[in-house]
Amino acid sequence: KAEIQRLAKQGYKEIVLTGIDLGDYRFKDYRLADVIEM
């Protein structure tokens, strides 16, 4: 979230979420859909 906020302030309008196995994002109870909603 902090990185996206920094990039947005610099004028970036589009972000692409990447990973080796992106769909397996799991941080505590958060999943990929939570990152997208955030």
Full PDB file with SEQRES, HELIX, SHEET, SSBOND, CRYST1, ORIGX, SCALE, CONECT and MASTER records, all heavy atoms in Angstrom:
SEQRES   1 A   38  LYS ALA GLU ILE GLN ARG LEU ALA LYS GLN GLY TYR LYS          
SEQRES   2 A   38  GLU ILE VAL LEU THR GLY ILE ASP LEU GLY ASP TYR ARG          
SEQRES   3 A   38  PHE LYS ASP TYR ARG LEU ALA ASP VAL ILE GLU MET              
HELIX    1 AA1 ALA A    2  LYS A    9  1                                   8    
HELIX    2 AA2 LEU A   22  ASP A   24  5                                   3    
HELIX    3 AA3 LEU A   32  GLU A   37  1                                   6    
SHEET    1 AA1 2 ARG A  26  PHE A  27  0                                        
SHEET    2 AA1 2 TYR A  30  ARG A  31 -1                                        
CRYST1    1.000    1.000    1.000  90.00  90.00  90.00 P 1           1          
ORIGX1      1.000000  0.000000  0.000000        0.00000                         
ORIGX2      0.000000  1.000000  0.000000        0.00000                         
ORIGX3      0.000000  0.000000  1.000000        0.00000                         
SCALE1      1.000000  0.000000  0.000000        0.00000                         
SCALE2      0.000000  1.000000  0.000000        0.00000                         
SCALE3      0.000000  0.000000  1.000000        0.00000                         
ATOM      1  N   LYS A   1       0.831  -1.207   0.000  1.00  0.00           N  
ATOM      2  CA  LYS A   1       0.000   0.000   0.000  1.00  0.00           C  
ATOM      3  C   LYS A   1       0.863   1.254   0.000  1.00  0.00           C  
ATOM      4  O   LYS A   1       0.615   2.190  -0.773  1.00  0.00           O  
ATOM      5  CB  LYS A   1      -0.916  -0.005   1.218  1.00  0.00           C  
ATOM      6  CG  LYS A   1      -1.862   1.190   1.289  1.00  0.00           C  
ATOM      7  CD  LYS A   1      -2.779   1.082   2.492  1.00  0.00           C  
ATOM      8  CE  LYS A   1      -3.742   2.257   2.558  1.00  0.00           C  
ATOM      9  NZ  LYS A   1      -4.643   2.149   3.732  1.00  0.00           N  
ATOM     10  N   ALA A   2       1.896   1.268   0.835  1.00  0.00           N  
ATOM     11  CA  ALA A   2       2.770   2.445   0.930  1.00  0.00           C  
ATOM     12  C   ALA A   2       3.483   2.710  -0.394  1.00  0.00           C  
ATOM     13  O   ALA A   2       3.626   3.862  -0.817  1.00  0.00           O  
ATOM     14  CB  ALA A   2       3.784   2.252   2.059  1.00  0.00           C  
ATOM     15  N   GLU A   3       3.922   1.640  -1.062  1.00  0.00           N  
ATOM     16  CA  GLU A   3       4.611   1.817  -2.334  1.00  0.00           C  
ATOM     17  C   GLU A   3       3.662   2.322  -3.411  1.00  0.00           C  
ATOM     18  O   GLU A   3       4.010   3.211  -4.200  1.00  0.00           O  
ATOM     19  CB  GLU A   3       5.276   0.521  -2.787  1.00  0.00           C  
ATOM     20  CG  GLU A   3       6.074   0.692  -4.065  1.00  0.00           C  
ATOM     21  CD  GLU A   3       7.038  -0.453  -4.327  1.00  0.00           C  
ATOM     22  OE1 GLU A   3       7.617  -0.976  -3.357  1.00  0.00           O  
ATOM     23  OE2 GLU A   3       7.219  -0.803  -5.490  1.00  0.00           O  
ATOM     24  N   ILE A   4       2.457   1.791  -3.464  1.00  0.00           N  
ATOM     25  CA  ILE A   4       1.481   2.261  -4.456  1.00  0.00           C  
ATOM     26  C   ILE A   4       1.149   3.725  -4.211  1.00  0.00           C  
ATOM     27  O   ILE A   4       1.034   4.518  -5.156  1.00  0.00           O  
ATOM     28  CB  ILE A   4       0.200   1.391  -4.419  1.00  0.00           C  
ATOM     29  CG1 ILE A   4       0.519  -0.052  -4.807  1.00  0.00           C  
ATOM     30  CG2 ILE A   4      -0.852   1.970  -5.369  1.00  0.00           C  
ATOM     31  CD1 ILE A   4      -0.662  -0.994  -4.662  1.00  0.00           C  
ATOM     32  N   GLN A   5       1.027   4.116  -2.961  1.00  0.00           N  
ATOM     33  CA  GLN A   5       0.737   5.515  -2.637  1.00  0.00           C  
ATOM     34  C   GLN A   5       1.862   6.434  -3.094  1.00  0.00           C  
ATOM     35  O   GLN A   5       1.614   7.511  -3.644  1.00  0.00           O  
ATOM     36  CB  GLN A   5       0.504   5.667  -1.127  1.00  0.00           C  
ATOM     37  CG  GLN A   5      -0.812   5.072  -0.645  1.00  0.00           C  
ATOM     38  CD  GLN A   5      -0.954   5.064   0.860  1.00  0.00           C  
ATOM     39  OE1 GLN A   5       0.052   4.968   1.597  1.00  0.00           O  
ATOM     40  NE2 GLN A   5      -2.179   5.157   1.339  1.00  0.00           N  
ATOM     41  N   ARG A   6       3.116   6.002  -2.903  1.00  0.00           N  
ATOM     42  CA  ARG A   6       4.257   6.802  -3.354  1.00  0.00           C  
ATOM     43  C   ARG A   6       4.242   6.958  -4.874  1.00  0.00           C  
ATOM     44  O   ARG A   6       4.465   8.041  -5.408  1.00  0.00           O  
ATOM     45  CB  ARG A   6       5.577   6.153  -2.928  1.00  0.00           C  
ATOM     46  CG  ARG A   6       5.880   6.240  -1.444  1.00  0.00           C  
ATOM     47  CD  ARG A   6       7.343   5.928  -1.170  1.00  0.00           C  
ATOM     48  NE  ARG A   6       7.728   4.596  -1.601  1.00  0.00           N  
ATOM     49  CZ  ARG A   6       7.652   3.505  -0.841  1.00  0.00           C  
ATOM     50  NH1 ARG A   6       7.164   3.593   0.387  1.00  0.00           N  
ATOM     51  NH2 ARG A   6       8.043   2.334  -1.306  1.00  0.00           N  
ATOM     52  N   LEU A   7       3.966   5.851  -5.560  1.00  0.00           N  
ATOM     53  CA  LEU A   7       3.953   5.881  -7.022  1.00  0.00           C  
ATOM     54  C   LEU A   7       2.808   6.737  -7.552  1.00  0.00           C  
ATOM     55  O   LEU A   7       2.954   7.461  -8.540  1.00  0.00           O  
ATOM     56  CB  LEU A   7       3.871   4.458  -7.573  1.00  0.00           C  
ATOM     57  CG  LEU A   7       5.112   3.592  -7.318  1.00  0.00           C  
ATOM     58  CD1 LEU A   7       4.811   2.128  -7.604  1.00  0.00           C  
ATOM     59  CD2 LEU A   7       6.288   4.062  -8.162  1.00  0.00           C  
ATOM     60  N   ALA A   8       1.660   6.654  -6.889  1.00  0.00           N  
ATOM     61  CA  ALA A   8       0.508   7.465  -7.302  1.00  0.00           C  
ATOM     62  C   ALA A   8       0.823   8.954  -7.167  1.00  0.00           C  
ATOM     63  O   ALA A   8       0.462   9.754  -8.037  1.00  0.00           O  
ATOM     64  CB  ALA A   8      -0.720   7.094  -6.472  1.00  0.00           C  
ATOM     65  N   LYS A   9       1.520   9.326  -6.101  1.00  0.00           N  
ATOM     66  CA  LYS A   9       1.879  10.732  -5.889  1.00  0.00           C  
ATOM     67  C   LYS A   9       2.849  11.222  -6.964  1.00  0.00           C  
ATOM     68  O   LYS A   9       2.896  12.412  -7.271  1.00  0.00           O  
ATOM     69  CB  LYS A   9       2.489  10.915  -4.498  1.00  0.00           C  
ATOM     70  CG  LYS A   9       1.470  10.837  -3.375  1.00  0.00           C  
ATOM     71  CD  LYS A   9       2.127  10.989  -2.009  1.00  0.00           C  
ATOM     72  CE  LYS A   9       1.091  10.879  -0.904  1.00  0.00           C  
ATOM     73  NZ  LYS A   9       1.719  10.965   0.447  1.00  0.00           N  
ATOM     74  N   GLN A  10       3.637  10.293  -7.524  1.00  0.00           N  
ATOM     75  CA  GLN A  10       4.568  10.654  -8.590  1.00  0.00           C  
ATOM     76  C   GLN A  10       3.888  10.728  -9.953  1.00  0.00           C  
ATOM     77  O   GLN A  10       4.519  11.071 -10.949  1.00  0.00           O  
ATOM     78  CB  GLN A  10       5.716   9.648  -8.654  1.00  0.00           C  
ATOM     79  CG  GLN A  10       6.655   9.708  -7.454  1.00  0.00           C  
ATOM     80  CD  GLN A  10       7.783   8.706  -7.597  1.00  0.00           C  
ATOM     81  OE1 GLN A  10       8.372   8.569  -8.655  1.00  0.00           O  
ATOM     82  NE2 GLN A  10       8.079   8.000  -6.527  1.00  0.00           N  
ATOM     83  N   GLY A  11       2.618  10.361 -10.002  1.00  0.00           N  
ATOM     84  CA  GLY A  11       1.875  10.492 -11.248  1.00  0.00           C  
ATOM     85  C   GLY A  11       1.607   9.196 -11.989  1.00  0.00           C  
ATOM     86  O   GLY A  11       0.989   9.218 -13.060  1.00  0.00           O  
ATOM     87  N   TYR A  12       2.063   8.071 -11.458  1.00  0.00           N  
ATOM     88  CA  TYR A  12       1.768   6.792 -12.121  1.00  0.00           C  
ATOM     89  C   TYR A  12       0.286   6.468 -11.961  1.00  0.00           C  
ATOM     90  O   TYR A  12      -0.246   6.484 -10.853  1.00  0.00           O  
ATOM     91  CB  TYR A  12       2.618   5.668 -11.525  1.00  0.00           C  
ATOM     92  CG  TYR A  12       4.079   5.796 -11.846  1.00  0.00           C  
ATOM     93  CD1 TYR A  12       4.966   6.375 -10.939  1.00  0.00           C  
ATOM     94  CD2 TYR A  12       4.593   5.348 -13.061  1.00  0.00           C  
ATOM     95  CE1 TYR A  12       6.312   6.507 -11.241  1.00  0.00           C  
ATOM     96  CE2 TYR A  12       5.939   5.473 -13.365  1.00  0.00           C  
ATOM     97  CZ  TYR A  12       6.787   6.059 -12.450  1.00  0.00           C  
ATOM     98  OH  TYR A  12       8.112   6.187 -12.751  1.00  0.00           O  
ATOM     99  N   LYS A  13      -0.355   6.156 -13.076  1.00  0.00           N  
ATOM    100  CA  LYS A  13      -1.790   5.889 -13.052  1.00  0.00           C  
ATOM    101  C   LYS A  13      -2.114   4.402 -13.156  1.00  0.00           C  
ATOM    102  O   LYS A  13      -3.236   3.996 -12.849  1.00  0.00           O  
ATOM    103  CB  LYS A  13      -2.477   6.649 -14.190  1.00  0.00           C  
ATOM    104  CG  LYS A  13      -2.398   8.166 -14.010  1.00  0.00           C  
ATOM    105  CD  LYS A  13      -3.081   8.893 -15.144  1.00  0.00           C  
ATOM    106  CE  LYS A  13      -3.017  10.404 -14.934  1.00  0.00           C  
ATOM    107  NZ  LYS A  13      -3.642  11.156 -16.042  1.00  0.00           N  
ATOM    108  N   GLU A  14      -1.148   3.616 -13.623  1.00  0.00           N  
ATOM    109  CA  GLU A  14      -1.398   2.185 -13.813  1.00  0.00           C  
ATOM    110  C   GLU A  14      -0.372   1.364 -13.061  1.00  0.00           C  
ATOM    111  O   GLU A  14       0.829   1.634 -13.127  1.00  0.00           O  
ATOM    112  CB  GLU A  14      -1.351   1.829 -15.294  1.00  0.00           C  
ATOM    113  CG  GLU A  14      -1.609   0.351 -15.583  1.00  0.00           C  
ATOM    114  CD  GLU A  14      -1.675   0.047 -17.073  1.00  0.00           C  
ATOM    115  OE1 GLU A  14      -2.299   0.819 -17.815  1.00  0.00           O  
ATOM    116  OE2 GLU A  14      -1.081  -0.978 -17.473  1.00  0.00           O  
ATOM    117  N   ILE A  15      -0.832   0.364 -12.328  1.00  0.00           N  
ATOM    118  CA  ILE A  15       0.065  -0.563 -11.645  1.00  0.00           C  
ATOM    119  C   ILE A  15      -0.218  -1.977 -12.131  1.00  0.00           C  
ATOM    120  O   ILE A  15      -1.353  -2.322 -12.471  1.00  0.00           O  
ATOM    121  CB  ILE A  15      -0.056  -0.500 -10.114  1.00  0.00           C  
ATOM    122  CG1 ILE A  15      -1.474  -0.862  -9.660  1.00  0.00           C  
ATOM    123  CG2 ILE A  15       0.356   0.863  -9.584  1.00  0.00           C  
ATOM    124  CD1 ILE A  15      -1.578  -1.143  -8.180  1.00  0.00           C  
ATOM    125  N   VAL A  16       0.838  -2.770 -12.168  1.00  0.00           N  
ATOM    126  CA  VAL A  16       0.732  -4.182 -12.548  1.00  0.00           C  
ATOM    127  C   VAL A  16       1.293  -5.002 -11.396  1.00  0.00           C  
ATOM    128  O   VAL A  16       2.471  -4.883 -11.054  1.00  0.00           O  
ATOM    129  CB  VAL A  16       1.517  -4.489 -13.836  1.00  0.00           C  
ATOM    130  CG1 VAL A  16       1.287  -5.938 -14.265  1.00  0.00           C  
ATOM    131  CG2 VAL A  16       1.136  -3.535 -14.955  1.00  0.00           C  
ATOM    132  N   LEU A  17       0.454  -5.810 -10.774  1.00  0.00           N  
ATOM    133  CA  LEU A  17       0.885  -6.648  -9.662  1.00  0.00           C  
ATOM    134  C   LEU A  17       1.561  -7.892 -10.222  1.00  0.00           C  
ATOM    135  O   LEU A  17       0.992  -8.591 -11.067  1.00  0.00           O  
ATOM    136  CB  LEU A  17      -0.321  -7.043  -8.796  1.00  0.00           C  
ATOM    137  CG  LEU A  17      -1.127  -5.873  -8.233  1.00  0.00           C  
ATOM    138  CD1 LEU A  17      -2.365  -6.391  -7.499  1.00  0.00           C  
ATOM    139  CD2 LEU A  17      -0.276  -5.022  -7.297  1.00  0.00           C  
ATOM    140  N   THR A  18       2.784  -8.166  -9.777  1.00  0.00           N  
ATOM    141  CA  THR A  18       3.533  -9.292 -10.315  1.00  0.00           C  
ATOM    142  C   THR A  18       4.062 -10.188  -9.199  1.00  0.00           C  
ATOM    143  O   THR A  18       4.160  -9.782  -8.040  1.00  0.00           O  
ATOM    144  CB  THR A  18       4.725  -8.827 -11.178  1.00  0.00           C  
ATOM    145  OG1 THR A  18       5.660  -8.132 -10.343  1.00  0.00           O  
ATOM    146  CG2 THR A  18       4.276  -7.925 -12.298  1.00  0.00           C  
ATOM    147  N   GLY A  19       4.420 -11.396  -9.578  1.00  0.00           N  
ATOM    148  CA  GLY A  19       5.004 -12.360  -8.651  1.00  0.00           C  
ATOM    149  C   GLY A  19       5.365 -13.611  -9.422  1.00  0.00           C  
ATOM    150  O   GLY A  19       4.978 -13.777 -10.581  1.00  0.00           O  
ATOM    151  N   ILE A  20       6.118 -14.476  -8.796  1.00  0.00           N  
ATOM    152  CA  ILE A  20       6.465 -15.751  -9.425  1.00  0.00           C  
ATOM    153  C   ILE A  20       5.230 -16.642  -9.530  1.00  0.00           C  
ATOM    154  O   ILE A  20       4.979 -17.288 -10.546  1.00  0.00           O  
ATOM    155  CB  ILE A  20       7.582 -16.457  -8.634  1.00  0.00           C  
ATOM    156  CG1 ILE A  20       8.864 -15.608  -8.629  1.00  0.00           C  
ATOM    157  CG2 ILE A  20       7.856 -17.846  -9.214  1.00  0.00           C  
ATOM    158  CD1 ILE A  20       9.438 -15.343 -10.012  1.00  0.00           C  
ATOM    159  N   ASP A  21       4.432 -16.674  -8.466  1.00  0.00           N  
ATOM    160  CA  ASP A  21       3.131 -17.360  -8.475  1.00  0.00           C  
ATOM    161  C   ASP A  21       2.135 -16.410  -7.828  1.00  0.00           C  
ATOM    162  O   ASP A  21       1.736 -16.577  -6.686  1.00  0.00           O  
ATOM    163  CB  ASP A  21       3.216 -18.687  -7.718  1.00  0.00           C  
ATOM    164  CG  ASP A  21       1.921 -19.484  -7.785  1.00  0.00           C  
ATOM    165  OD1 ASP A  21       1.013 -19.087  -8.552  1.00  0.00           O  
ATOM    166  OD2 ASP A  21       1.800 -20.488  -7.059  1.00  0.00           O  
ATOM    167  N   LEU A  22       1.777 -15.365  -8.578  1.00  0.00           N  
ATOM    168  CA  LEU A  22       1.002 -14.249  -8.051  1.00  0.00           C  
ATOM    169  C   LEU A  22      -0.284 -14.688  -7.367  1.00  0.00           C  
ATOM    170  O   LEU A  22      -0.661 -14.147  -6.319  1.00  0.00           O  
ATOM    171  CB  LEU A  22       0.686 -13.278  -9.194  1.00  0.00           C  
ATOM    172  CG  LEU A  22      -0.124 -12.035  -8.843  1.00  0.00           C  
ATOM    173  CD1 LEU A  22       0.646 -11.142  -7.880  1.00  0.00           C  
ATOM    174  CD2 LEU A  22      -0.501 -11.283 -10.113  1.00  0.00           C  
ATOM    175  N   GLY A  23      -0.955 -15.667  -7.949  1.00  0.00           N  
ATOM    176  CA  GLY A  23      -2.234 -16.106  -7.392  1.00  0.00           C  
ATOM    177  C   GLY A  23      -2.123 -16.726  -6.017  1.00  0.00           C  
ATOM    178  O   GLY A  23      -3.126 -16.865  -5.305  1.00  0.00           O  
ATOM    179  N   ASP A  24      -0.906 -17.090  -5.617  1.00  0.00           N  
ATOM    180  CA  ASP A  24      -0.691 -17.697  -4.305  1.00  0.00           C  
ATOM    181  C   ASP A  24      -0.341 -16.649  -3.250  1.00  0.00           C  
ATOM    182  O   ASP A  24       0.167 -16.995  -2.184  1.00  0.00           O  
ATOM    183  CB  ASP A  24       0.427 -18.748  -4.394  1.00  0.00           C  
ATOM    184  CG  ASP A  24       0.443 -19.677  -3.194  1.00  0.00           C  
ATOM    185  OD1 ASP A  24      -0.645 -20.089  -2.744  1.00  0.00           O  
ATOM    186  OD2 ASP A  24       1.538 -19.995  -2.675  1.00  0.00           O  
ATOM    187  N   TYR A  25      -0.606 -15.372  -3.534  1.00  0.00           N  
ATOM    188  CA  TYR A  25      -0.330 -14.338  -2.537  1.00  0.00           C  
ATOM    189  C   TYR A  25      -1.074 -14.659  -1.238  1.00  0.00           C  
ATOM    190  O   TYR A  25      -2.294 -14.839  -1.226  1.00  0.00           O  
ATOM    191  CB  TYR A  25      -0.761 -12.953  -3.049  1.00  0.00           C  
ATOM    192  CG  TYR A  25      -0.547 -11.877  -1.995  1.00  0.00           C  
ATOM    193  CD1 TYR A  25       0.666 -11.202  -1.905  1.00  0.00           C  
ATOM    194  CD2 TYR A  25      -1.542 -11.575  -1.066  1.00  0.00           C  
ATOM    195  CE1 TYR A  25       0.889 -10.244  -0.925  1.00  0.00           C  
ATOM    196  CE2 TYR A  25      -1.327 -10.620  -0.080  1.00  0.00           C  
ATOM    197  CZ  TYR A  25      -0.114  -9.960  -0.006  1.00  0.00           C  
ATOM    198  OH  TYR A  25       0.111  -9.035   0.977  1.00  0.00           O  
ATOM    199  N   ARG A  26      -0.331 -14.721  -0.139  1.00  0.00           N  
ATOM    200  CA  ARG A  26      -0.907 -15.001   1.168  1.00  0.00           C  
ATOM    201  C   ARG A  26      -0.082 -14.289   2.235  1.00  0.00           C  
ATOM    202  O   ARG A  26       1.017 -14.704   2.552  1.00  0.00           O  
ATOM    203  CB  ARG A  26      -0.889 -16.514   1.471  1.00  0.00           C  
ATOM    204  CG  ARG A  26      -1.718 -17.366   0.530  1.00  0.00           C  
ATOM    205  CD  ARG A  26      -1.466 -18.855   0.737  1.00  0.00           C  
ATOM    206  NE  ARG A  26      -2.210 -19.647  -0.221  1.00  0.00           N  
ATOM    207  CZ  ARG A  26      -3.445 -20.105  -0.020  1.00  0.00           C  
ATOM    208  NH1 ARG A  26      -4.054 -19.855   1.126  1.00  0.00           N  
ATOM    209  NH2 ARG A  26      -4.061 -20.820  -0.947  1.00  0.00           N  
ATOM    210  N   PHE A  27      -0.621 -13.194   2.758  1.00  0.00           N  
ATOM    211  CA  PHE A  27       0.015 -12.517   3.885  1.00  0.00           C  
ATOM    212  C   PHE A  27      -0.995 -12.451   5.022  1.00  0.00           C  
ATOM    213  O   PHE A  27      -2.020 -11.778   4.910  1.00  0.00           O  
ATOM    214  CB  PHE A  27       0.485 -11.116   3.498  1.00  0.00           C  
ATOM    215  CG  PHE A  27       1.139 -10.379   4.636  1.00  0.00           C  
ATOM    216  CD1 PHE A  27       2.449 -10.665   4.997  1.00  0.00           C  
ATOM    217  CD2 PHE A  27       0.430  -9.438   5.366  1.00  0.00           C  
ATOM    218  CE1 PHE A  27       3.040 -10.019   6.065  1.00  0.00           C  
ATOM    219  CE2 PHE A  27       1.022  -8.779   6.430  1.00  0.00           C  
ATOM    220  CZ  PHE A  27       2.329  -9.074   6.780  1.00  0.00           C  
ATOM    221  N   LYS A  28      -0.721 -13.206   6.086  1.00  0.00           N  
ATOM    222  CA  LYS A  28      -1.676 -13.361   7.194  1.00  0.00           C  
ATOM    223  C   LYS A  28      -2.998 -13.850   6.600  1.00  0.00           C  
ATOM    224  O   LYS A  28      -3.037 -14.881   5.969  1.00  0.00           O  
ATOM    225  CB  LYS A  28      -1.808 -12.053   7.972  1.00  0.00           C  
ATOM    226  CG  LYS A  28      -0.508 -11.623   8.656  1.00  0.00           C  
ATOM    227  CD  LYS A  28      -0.670 -10.347   9.437  1.00  0.00           C  
ATOM    228  CE  LYS A  28       0.637  -9.975  10.134  1.00  0.00           C  
ATOM    229  NZ  LYS A  28       0.536  -8.702  10.878  1.00  0.00           N  
ATOM    230  N   ASP A  29      -4.086 -13.095   6.792  1.00  0.00           N  
ATOM    231  CA  ASP A  29      -5.375 -13.522   6.245  1.00  0.00           C  
ATOM    232  C   ASP A  29      -5.680 -12.877   4.901  1.00  0.00           C  
ATOM    233  O   ASP A  29      -6.772 -13.055   4.352  1.00  0.00           O  
ATOM    234  CB  ASP A  29      -6.501 -13.172   7.229  1.00  0.00           C  
ATOM    235  CG  ASP A  29      -6.415 -13.997   8.509  1.00  0.00           C  
ATOM    236  OD1 ASP A  29      -5.929 -15.142   8.431  1.00  0.00           O  
ATOM    237  OD2 ASP A  29      -6.822 -13.489   9.562  1.00  0.00           O  
ATOM    238  N   TYR A  30      -4.724 -12.131   4.356  1.00  0.00           N  
ATOM    239  CA  TYR A  30      -4.952 -11.417   3.098  1.00  0.00           C  
ATOM    240  C   TYR A  30      -4.602 -12.294   1.896  1.00  0.00           C  
ATOM    241  O   TYR A  30      -3.632 -13.049   1.921  1.00  0.00           O  
ATOM    242  CB  TYR A  30      -4.113 -10.137   3.051  1.00  0.00           C  
ATOM    243  CG  TYR A  30      -4.472  -9.135   4.120  1.00  0.00           C  
ATOM    244  CD1 TYR A  30      -3.641  -8.952   5.229  1.00  0.00           C  
ATOM    245  CD2 TYR A  30      -5.644  -8.377   4.039  1.00  0.00           C  
ATOM    246  CE1 TYR A  30      -3.964  -8.033   6.217  1.00  0.00           C  
ATOM    247  CE2 TYR A  30      -5.975  -7.466   5.022  1.00  0.00           C  
ATOM    248  CZ  TYR A  30      -5.136  -7.293   6.115  1.00  0.00           C  
ATOM    249  OH  TYR A  30      -5.460  -6.386   7.091  1.00  0.00           O  
ATOM    250  N   ARG A  31      -5.403 -12.152   0.834  1.00  0.00           N  
ATOM    251  CA  ARG A  31      -5.177 -12.850  -0.411  1.00  0.00           C  
ATOM    252  C   ARG A  31      -5.104 -11.824  -1.547  1.00  0.00           C  
ATOM    253  O   ARG A  31      -5.231 -10.627  -1.329  1.00  0.00           O  
ATOM    254  CB  ARG A  31      -6.303 -13.872  -0.662  1.00  0.00           C  
ATOM    255  CG  ARG A  31      -6.426 -14.945   0.416  1.00  0.00           C  
ATOM    256  CD  ARG A  31      -5.210 -15.849   0.452  1.00  0.00           C  
ATOM    257  NE  ARG A  31      -5.341 -16.919   1.438  1.00  0.00           N  
ATOM    258  CZ  ARG A  31      -4.880 -16.858   2.688  1.00  0.00           C  
ATOM    259  NH1 ARG A  31      -4.261 -15.755   3.101  1.00  0.00           N  
ATOM    260  NH2 ARG A  31      -5.038 -17.864   3.509  1.00  0.00           N  
ATOM    261  N   LEU A  32      -4.928 -12.300  -2.768  1.00  0.00           N  
ATOM    262  CA  LEU A  32      -4.754 -11.410  -3.902  1.00  0.00           C  
ATOM    263  C   LEU A  32      -5.927 -10.452  -4.065  1.00  0.00           C  
ATOM    264  O   LEU A  32      -5.738  -9.261  -4.365  1.00  0.00           O  
ATOM    265  CB  LEU A  32      -4.552 -12.219  -5.186  1.00  0.00           C  
ATOM    266  CG  LEU A  32      -4.334 -11.418  -6.474  1.00  0.00           C  
ATOM    267  CD1 LEU A  32      -3.125 -10.491  -6.355  1.00  0.00           C  
ATOM    268  CD2 LEU A  32      -4.167 -12.359  -7.659  1.00  0.00           C  
ATOM    269  N   ALA A  33      -7.142 -10.923  -3.866  1.00  0.00           N  
ATOM    270  CA  ALA A  33      -8.318 -10.053  -4.008  1.00  0.00           C  
ATOM    271  C   ALA A  33      -8.259  -8.889  -3.030  1.00  0.00           C  
ATOM    272  O   ALA A  33      -8.681  -7.767  -3.352  1.00  0.00           O  
ATOM    273  CB  ALA A  33      -9.594 -10.856  -3.810  1.00  0.00           C  
ATOM    274  N   ASP A  34      -7.731  -9.134  -1.835  1.00  0.00           N  
ATOM    275  CA  ASP A  34      -7.608  -8.060  -0.844  1.00  0.00           C  
ATOM    276  C   ASP A  34      -6.625  -6.995  -1.302  1.00  0.00           C  
ATOM    277  O   ASP A  34      -6.844  -5.794  -1.099  1.00  0.00           O  
ATOM    278  CB  ASP A  34      -7.150  -8.642   0.505  1.00  0.00           C  
ATOM    279  CG  ASP A  34      -8.138  -9.630   1.071  1.00  0.00           C  
ATOM    280  OD1 ASP A  34      -9.283  -9.234   1.334  1.00  0.00           O  
ATOM    281  OD2 ASP A  34      -7.767 -10.810   1.236  1.00  0.00           O  
ATOM    282  N   VAL A  35      -5.513  -7.422  -1.930  1.00  0.00           N  
ATOM    283  CA  VAL A  35      -4.527  -6.470  -2.450  1.00  0.00           C  
ATOM    284  C   VAL A  35      -5.161  -5.625  -3.555  1.00  0.00           C  
ATOM    285  O   VAL A  35      -4.990  -4.400  -3.604  1.00  0.00           O  
ATOM    286  CB  VAL A  35      -3.281  -7.197  -2.992  1.00  0.00           C  
ATOM    287  CG1 VAL A  35      -2.299  -6.193  -3.593  1.00  0.00           C  
ATOM    288  CG2 VAL A  35      -2.606  -7.997  -1.893  1.00  0.00           C  
ATOM    289  N   ILE A  36      -5.914  -6.260  -4.436  1.00  0.00           N  
ATOM    290  CA  ILE A  36      -6.553  -5.548  -5.545  1.00  0.00           C  
ATOM    291  C   ILE A  36      -7.561  -4.529  -5.009  1.00  0.00           C  
ATOM    292  O   ILE A  36      -7.596  -3.372  -5.461  1.00  0.00           O  
ATOM    293  CB  ILE A  36      -7.225  -6.546  -6.505  1.00  0.00           C  
ATOM    294  CG1 ILE A  36      -6.158  -7.384  -7.216  1.00  0.00           C  
ATOM    295  CG2 ILE A  36      -8.117  -5.819  -7.517  1.00  0.00           C  
ATOM    296  CD1 ILE A  36      -6.709  -8.543  -8.018  1.00  0.00           C  
ATOM    297  N   GLU A  37      -8.362  -4.941  -4.033  1.00  0.00           N  
ATOM    298  CA  GLU A  37      -9.346  -4.023  -3.455  1.00  0.00           C  
ATOM    299  C   GLU A  37      -8.663  -2.845  -2.765  1.00  0.00           C  
ATOM    300  O   GLU A  37      -9.127  -1.704  -2.847  1.00  0.00           O  
ATOM    301  CB  GLU A  37     -10.239  -4.778  -2.476  1.00  0.00           C  
ATOM    302  CG  GLU A  37     -11.207  -5.730  -3.163  1.00  0.00           C  
ATOM    303  CD  GLU A  37     -11.965  -6.623  -2.194  1.00  0.00           C  
ATOM    304  OE1 GLU A  37     -11.517  -6.786  -1.039  1.00  0.00           O  
ATOM    305  OE2 GLU A  37     -13.011  -7.172  -2.599  1.00  0.00           O  
ATOM    306  N   MET A  38      -7.573  -3.119  -2.078  1.00  0.00           N  
ATOM    307  CA  MET A  38      -6.821  -2.049  -1.425  1.00  0.00           C  
ATOM    308  C   MET A  38      -6.281  -1.065  -2.448  1.00  0.00           C  
ATOM    309  O   MET A  38      -6.410   0.156  -2.306  1.00  0.00           O  
ATOM    310  CB  MET A  38      -5.679  -2.655  -0.600  1.00  0.00           C  
ATOM    311  CG  MET A  38      -4.710  -1.645   0.012  1.00  0.00           C  
ATOM    312  SD  MET A  38      -3.343  -1.250  -1.105  1.00  0.00           S  
ATOM    313  CE  MET A  38      -2.443  -2.794  -1.128  1.00  0.00           C  
TER     314      MET A  38                                                      
MASTER        0    0    0    3    2    0    0    6  313    1    0    3          
END                                                                             
